[in-house]
């Protein structure tokens, strides 16, 4: 059955030269073909790994690097299906993915910005206000019901381990799994107005609420659909529109709905904050411990700092996955 699902989602693609790119979208080198090893053929029902990411012009270079990193470190790359969410320039983005990754199993979905445009309030960083930043709330609606589980990745990260290890975590009765950070000051993610409202604050009653970063999540889409979690998130967005109870885009609604009810994942799967804070984007160091995923959350993005010739030390860990044609990593020969 899993193998049939894989075949269903293989995109029908047409070869177009990589020089055919319009507007301000970057041009990329073709990635090498990543093939399954013998160990992937030992079972007649291979496990299909579904990964969701967004695609847009601003973060496209990061998205491509993220896909490249996943494939490069995967034990069974042909068993991975990517689900890309886009709001515009769908044909151009499909062409870029097809020419950069000719062997990739992927599918594109259109996200209607009008679903959230009237529910978004401005935050402390403009990038957090873009409709596509909220697409992760609608994965259960966008993807076919045959997809029962998904890994969601932000577009500013690279994976340096086999993603199958993350895919296999047991969610138990939880809808969502992610690394939790219980040492963080949870109250800082909401305004004083939120905490002074007893009805709002009661949302966390009986839960040991901890911060988690929504850039890396494993989601049981079947449980999500059954529990109507998109509607729960939208409820808090409407309250925010009226009362201004938080400052950070799409993150606080996830905390309100899920914090304290998350399957904890090892911290190695989200070494986040490498882009610095949301205002200055200063250089950061790695957190103590091993790393399976490096995440440049925050204002500073490695491709922008590298282009400006003002990189942070850790940006050199992202550079090997940059397939941009103007990158100095590869020769055109």
Protein backbone atom coordinates (compact mmCIF):
# COMPACT_ATOMS: atom_id res chain seq x y z
CA UNK A 1 0.00 0.00 0.00
CA UNK A 2 2.79 2.43 0.94
CA UNK A 3 4.46 1.73 -2.39
CA UNK A 4 1.24 2.59 -4.25
CA UNK A 5 1.02 5.86 -2.31
CA UNK A 6 4.57 6.65 -3.40
CA UNK A 7 3.68 6.07 -7.04
CA UNK A 8 0.57 8.21 -6.72
CA UNK A 9 2.53 11.22 -5.57
CA UNK A 10 5.38 11.10 -8.09
CA UNK A 11 4.95 14.32 -10.02
CA UNK A 12 4.64 14.21 -13.81
CA UNK A 13 7.44 16.47 -14.99
CA UNK A 14 8.80 17.80 -18.28
CA UNK A 15 12.45 18.58 -18.80
CA UNK A 16 13.07 22.32 -19.24
CA UNK A 17 16.57 23.84 -19.38
CA UNK A 18 17.57 25.37 -16.05
CA UNK A 19 18.29 28.70 -17.73
CA UNK A 20 14.55 29.22 -18.24
CA UNK A 21 13.82 31.12 -15.05
CA UNK A 22 11.80 34.32 -14.99
CA UNK A 23 11.89 37.34 -12.76
CA UNK A 24 13.98 37.45 -9.65
CA UNK A 25 13.98 33.72 -8.89
CA UNK A 26 17.46 32.24 -8.43
CA UNK A 27 18.99 29.69 -10.80
CA UNK A 28 20.34 26.41 -9.41
CA UNK A 29 22.72 23.67 -10.45
CA UNK A 30 21.30 20.23 -11.00
CA UNK A 31 21.68 18.06 -7.92
CA UNK A 32 23.14 14.58 -8.30
CA UNK A 33 20.79 11.61 -8.39
CA UNK A 34 20.37 9.97 -5.01
CA UNK A 35 19.41 6.30 -5.22
CA UNK A 36 18.30 3.71 -2.69
CA UNK A 37 20.88 1.30 -1.39
CA UNK A 38 20.40 -2.46 -1.16
CA UNK A 39 19.13 -2.20 2.40
CA UNK A 40 16.07 -0.32 1.05
CA UNK A 41 15.06 -3.32 -1.05
CA UNK A 42 14.85 -5.81 1.82
CA UNK A 43 11.15 -5.16 2.37
CA UNK A 44 8.30 -5.53 -0.10
CA UNK A 45 6.52 -2.60 1.56
CA UNK A 46 9.01 0.25 1.76
CA UNK A 47 8.24 3.02 4.22
CA UNK A 48 7.33 6.22 2.39
CA UNK A 49 8.47 9.40 4.18
CA UNK A 50 6.33 12.47 3.53
CA UNK A 51 7.91 15.90 4.04
CA UNK A 52 6.11 19.25 3.67
CA UNK A 53 7.85 22.55 2.94
CA UNK A 54 6.81 25.92 1.54
CA UNK A 55 8.23 27.47 -1.63
CA UNK A 56 8.48 31.16 -2.46
CA UNK A 57 10.96 33.50 -4.08
CA UNK A 58 12.32 34.94 -0.84
CA UNK A 59 13.24 31.63 0.78
CA UNK A 60 13.68 29.47 -2.33
CA UNK A 61 17.44 29.21 -1.95
CA UNK A 62 16.97 27.94 1.59
CA UNK A 63 14.27 25.47 0.54
CA UNK A 64 16.48 23.99 -2.18
CA UNK A 65 19.37 23.63 0.26
CA UNK A 66 17.03 21.91 2.72
CA UNK A 67 15.83 19.39 0.14
CA UNK A 68 19.40 18.71 -0.98
CA UNK A 69 20.50 18.08 2.61
CA UNK A 70 17.63 15.64 3.25
CA UNK A 71 18.43 13.60 0.14
CA UNK A 72 22.17 13.59 0.72
CA UNK A 73 21.87 12.08 4.20
CA UNK A 74 18.94 9.74 3.58
CA UNK A 75 19.44 5.99 3.60
CA UNK A 76 16.51 5.53 1.18
CA UNK A 77 16.12 8.83 -0.72
CA UNK A 78 13.81 7.37 -3.37
CA UNK A 79 11.28 6.62 -0.63
CA UNK A 80 10.88 10.31 0.23
CA UNK A 81 7.98 12.35 -1.15
CA UNK A 82 8.10 16.13 -0.84
CA UNK A 83 4.90 18.15 -0.60
CA UNK A 84 5.55 21.78 -1.53
CA UNK A 85 3.09 24.53 -0.62
CA UNK A 86 3.04 27.64 -2.83
CA UNK A 87 0.93 30.79 -3.09
CA UNK A 88 2.01 32.07 -6.52
CA UNK A 89 4.41 31.44 -9.45
CA UNK A 90 3.48 27.78 -9.28
CA UNK A 91 4.65 26.85 -12.80
CA UNK A 92 8.00 28.59 -12.35
CA UNK A 93 8.61 26.95 -8.99
CA UNK A 94 7.66 23.54 -10.37
CA UNK A 95 10.13 24.06 -13.22
CA UNK A 96 12.91 25.00 -10.82
CA UNK A 97 12.36 21.97 -8.60
CA UNK A 98 12.14 19.69 -11.63
CA UNK A 99 15.34 20.96 -13.21
CA UNK A 100 17.28 21.07 -9.95
CA UNK A 101 16.10 17.66 -8.74
CA UNK A 102 15.12 15.66 -11.87
CA UNK A 103 14.63 12.45 -9.88
CA UNK A 104 12.68 13.94 -6.97
CA UNK A 105 9.28 12.59 -5.95
CA UNK A 106 7.24 15.70 -5.24
CA UNK A 107 3.85 17.32 -5.42
CA UNK A 108 2.82 21.00 -5.46
CA UNK A 109 -0.22 22.48 -3.74
CA UNK A 110 -1.68 25.95 -4.04
CA UNK A 111 -2.33 27.71 -0.74
CA UNK A 112 -5.03 30.36 -0.95
CA UNK A 113 -3.72 33.40 0.93
CA UNK A 114 -7.28 34.59 1.49
CA UNK A 115 -7.72 31.81 4.06
CA UNK A 116 -5.57 33.76 6.51
CA UNK A 117 -5.21 37.28 5.13
CA UNK A 118 -8.03 38.65 7.28
CA UNK A 119 -6.81 36.78 10.38
CA UNK A 120 -3.17 37.95 10.40
CA UNK A 121 -1.97 40.77 12.64
CA UNK A 122 1.40 42.48 12.31
CA UNK A 123 4.26 41.05 14.39
CA UNK A 124 7.73 42.17 15.45
CA UNK A 125 9.19 40.93 12.13
CA UNK A 126 7.54 41.43 8.76
CA UNK A 127 8.60 38.01 7.40
CA UNK A 128 6.43 36.38 10.08
CA UNK A 129 3.33 38.10 8.71
CA UNK A 130 3.36 36.49 5.27
CA UNK A 131 0.36 34.23 4.53
CA UNK A 132 2.62 31.33 3.54
CA UNK A 133 4.02 31.33 7.09
CA UNK A 134 0.58 30.10 8.19
CA UNK A 135 0.30 27.30 5.61
CA UNK A 136 1.54 24.74 8.15
CA UNK A 137 -1.82 25.14 9.90
CA UNK A 138 -3.64 23.85 6.82
CA UNK A 139 -1.58 20.79 5.85
CA UNK A 140 -4.37 18.41 6.82
CA UNK A 141 -6.69 20.22 4.40
CA UNK A 142 -4.20 20.71 1.58
CA UNK A 143 -2.83 17.17 1.44
CA UNK A 144 -4.90 14.14 0.37
CA UNK A 145 -6.38 12.01 3.13
CA UNK A 146 -4.13 9.16 1.97
CA UNK A 147 -1.27 11.05 3.64
CA UNK A 148 -1.69 10.24 7.31
CA UNK A 149 1.63 11.51 8.67
CA UNK A 150 3.93 14.35 7.65
CA UNK A 151 7.19 15.98 8.69
CA UNK A 152 7.03 19.75 8.37
CA UNK A 153 10.31 21.59 7.75
CA UNK A 154 10.94 25.33 7.57
CA UNK A 155 12.92 26.68 4.61
CA UNK A 156 15.93 27.89 6.60
CA UNK A 157 17.34 24.59 7.82
CA UNK A 158 19.54 21.70 6.71
CA UNK A 159 19.34 18.08 7.83
CA UNK A 160 22.66 16.40 8.63
CA UNK A 161 21.32 12.97 9.62
CA UNK A 162 19.03 10.32 8.15
CA UNK A 163 15.51 11.80 8.21
CA UNK A 164 14.11 8.27 8.61
CA UNK A 165 15.13 8.46 12.27
CA UNK A 166 12.86 11.46 12.78
CA UNK A 167 10.06 9.87 10.76
CA UNK A 168 10.03 6.76 12.95
CA UNK A 169 9.42 8.48 16.29
CA UNK A 170 6.40 7.17 18.16
CA UNK A 171 3.83 9.93 18.65
CA UNK A 172 1.73 7.77 20.97
CA UNK A 173 -1.59 9.53 21.54
CA UNK A 174 -0.19 12.91 20.54
CA UNK A 175 -1.06 14.77 17.38
CA UNK A 176 2.28 16.48 17.13
CA UNK A 177 5.92 15.75 17.98
CA UNK A 178 8.71 18.34 18.28
CA UNK A 179 11.72 19.16 20.45
CA UNK A 180 10.53 20.96 23.59
CA UNK A 181 12.39 23.62 25.56
CA UNK A 182 10.92 23.78 29.05
CA UNK A 183 13.65 26.08 30.38
CA UNK A 184 12.39 28.94 28.18
CA UNK A 185 10.28 31.64 29.85
CA UNK A 186 6.91 30.68 28.45
CA UNK A 187 5.15 33.84 29.61
CA UNK A 188 7.25 35.93 27.22
CA UNK A 189 5.42 34.56 24.19
CA UNK A 190 2.19 36.35 25.14
CA UNK A 191 1.32 39.93 26.04
CA UNK A 192 0.38 41.04 29.58
CA UNK A 193 -3.16 41.48 28.25
CA UNK A 194 -3.32 37.72 27.64
CA UNK A 195 -2.21 36.76 31.16
CA UNK A 196 -4.54 39.32 32.78
CA UNK A 197 -7.51 37.72 31.04
CA UNK A 198 -8.44 34.73 33.21
CA UNK A 199 -10.37 33.07 30.38
CA UNK A 200 -7.39 33.24 28.02
CA UNK A 201 -4.85 32.16 30.63
CA UNK A 202 -7.05 29.17 31.52
CA UNK A 203 -6.12 27.66 28.15
CA UNK A 204 -2.98 26.28 29.83
CA UNK A 205 -4.71 24.98 32.94
CA UNK A 206 -3.69 21.40 33.69
CA UNK A 207 -0.90 21.46 31.10
CA UNK A 208 2.83 21.72 31.67
CA UNK A 209 3.27 24.08 28.77
CA UNK A 210 6.74 24.26 27.20
CA UNK A 211 8.00 26.22 24.22
CA UNK A 212 8.57 24.32 20.98
CA UNK A 213 9.70 25.60 17.60
CA UNK A 214 7.17 25.04 14.81
CA UNK A 215 9.85 24.86 12.10
CA UNK A 216 10.34 21.14 12.75
CA UNK A 217 7.26 19.06 13.51
CA UNK A 218 6.09 15.49 13.01
CA UNK A 219 2.31 15.57 12.62
CA UNK A 220 -0.32 12.83 12.69
CA UNK A 221 -2.67 14.24 10.05
CA UNK A 222 -5.37 11.69 10.77
CA UNK A 223 -5.61 12.76 14.42
CA UNK A 224 -5.37 16.41 13.31
CA UNK A 225 -8.35 16.03 11.02
CA UNK A 226 -10.37 14.12 13.62
CA UNK A 227 -9.70 16.78 16.26
CA UNK A 228 -10.32 19.70 13.87
CA UNK A 229 -7.10 21.36 14.97
CA UNK A 230 -7.08 23.88 12.12
CA UNK A 231 -10.29 25.37 13.53
CA UNK A 232 -8.74 25.50 17.01
CA UNK A 233 -5.77 27.46 15.69
CA UNK A 234 -8.02 29.82 13.73
CA UNK A 235 -10.01 30.52 16.89
CA UNK A 236 -6.92 31.97 18.58
CA UNK A 237 -6.04 33.95 15.46
CA UNK A 238 -9.45 35.64 15.61
CA UNK A 239 -8.96 36.42 19.32
CA UNK A 240 -5.55 37.88 18.50
CA UNK A 241 -7.12 40.07 15.82
CA UNK A 242 -9.46 41.57 18.43
CA UNK A 243 -7.29 41.69 21.55
CA UNK A 244 -3.59 41.54 20.57
CA UNK A 245 -2.50 38.71 22.87
CA UNK A 246 0.88 37.85 21.25
CA UNK A 247 3.60 39.25 18.96
CA UNK A 248 5.12 36.36 17.01
CA UNK A 249 3.14 35.38 13.92
CA UNK A 250 2.00 31.75 13.62
CA UNK A 251 3.94 30.37 16.61
CA UNK A 252 1.69 31.44 19.54
CA UNK A 253 -1.47 29.75 18.22
CA UNK A 254 0.45 26.47 18.08
CA UNK A 255 1.62 27.00 21.66
CA UNK A 256 -1.93 27.76 22.78
CA UNK A 257 -3.33 24.61 21.20
CA UNK A 258 -0.49 22.11 21.65
CA UNK A 259 2.00 23.21 24.34
CA UNK A 260 1.99 20.65 27.13
CA UNK A 261 0.52 18.03 24.80
CA UNK A 262 3.51 17.43 22.52
CA UNK A 263 5.51 14.24 22.05
CA UNK A 264 9.02 15.34 22.93
CA UNK A 265 11.68 14.80 20.26
CA UNK A 266 15.43 14.84 20.93
CA UNK A 267 16.88 18.36 20.78
CA UNK A 268 19.38 17.22 18.16
CA UNK A 269 16.50 17.45 15.65
CA UNK A 270 16.20 21.21 15.94
CA UNK A 271 19.37 23.14 16.67
CA UNK A 272 17.35 26.33 16.20
CA UNK A 273 18.07 30.02 16.65
CA UNK A 274 21.17 30.05 14.41
CA UNK A 275 19.77 33.12 12.65
CA UNK A 276 19.90 35.11 15.88
CA UNK A 277 16.89 36.92 17.35
CA UNK A 278 13.98 38.36 15.39
CA UNK A 279 15.29 41.94 15.52
CA UNK A 280 19.07 41.98 15.04
CA UNK A 281 19.97 38.49 13.78
CA UNK A 282 23.29 38.41 15.63
CA UNK A 283 25.60 35.41 15.32
CA UNK A 284 24.86 32.43 17.53
CA UNK A 285 26.74 29.30 18.59
CA UNK A 286 25.48 25.74 18.50
CA UNK A 287 23.64 24.46 21.54
CA UNK A 288 25.51 21.83 23.58
CA UNK A 289 25.05 18.28 22.39
CA UNK A 290 24.82 16.45 19.06
CA UNK A 291 23.07 17.93 16.02
CA UNK A 292 20.95 16.18 13.39
CA UNK A 293 19.35 19.35 12.04
CA UNK A 294 20.64 22.93 11.89
CA UNK A 295 17.98 25.64 11.83
CA UNK A 296 18.66 29.31 11.02
CA UNK A 297 15.47 30.54 12.67
CA UNK A 298 15.58 34.24 13.50
CA UNK A 299 16.27 37.26 11.32
CA UNK A 300 19.71 36.29 9.97
CA UNK A 301 19.68 33.90 6.99
CA UNK A 302 22.94 32.23 5.91
CA UNK A 303 22.54 32.87 2.16
CA UNK A 304 22.04 36.61 2.73
CA UNK A 305 25.02 36.88 5.07
CA UNK A 306 27.23 34.86 2.72
CA UNK A 307 26.25 37.03 -0.25
CA UNK A 308 26.98 40.17 1.76
CA UNK A 309 30.38 38.68 2.70
CA UNK A 310 29.46 39.11 6.36
CA UNK A 311 28.83 35.49 7.38
CA UNK A 312 28.57 34.15 10.86
CA UNK A 313 30.91 31.24 11.66
CA UNK A 314 28.08 28.68 11.56
CA UNK A 315 26.95 29.81 8.10
CA UNK A 316 29.81 27.72 6.73
CA UNK A 317 27.78 24.66 7.78
CA UNK A 318 24.95 25.71 5.46
CA UNK A 319 27.13 26.65 2.47
CA UNK A 320 27.87 23.07 1.26
CA UNK A 321 24.16 22.58 0.52
CA UNK A 322 23.78 25.79 -1.50
CA UNK A 323 23.04 24.85 -5.13
CA UNK A 324 22.74 28.45 -6.29
CA UNK A 325 24.63 28.96 -9.57
CA UNK A 326 26.47 32.02 -8.32
CA UNK A 327 27.77 30.13 -5.29
CA UNK A 328 31.55 29.73 -5.24
CA UNK A 329 31.22 26.20 -3.87
CA UNK A 330 31.10 24.51 -7.28
CA UNK A 331 32.68 25.12 -10.64
CA UNK A 332 30.49 25.32 -13.73
CA UNK A 333 32.70 22.64 -15.20
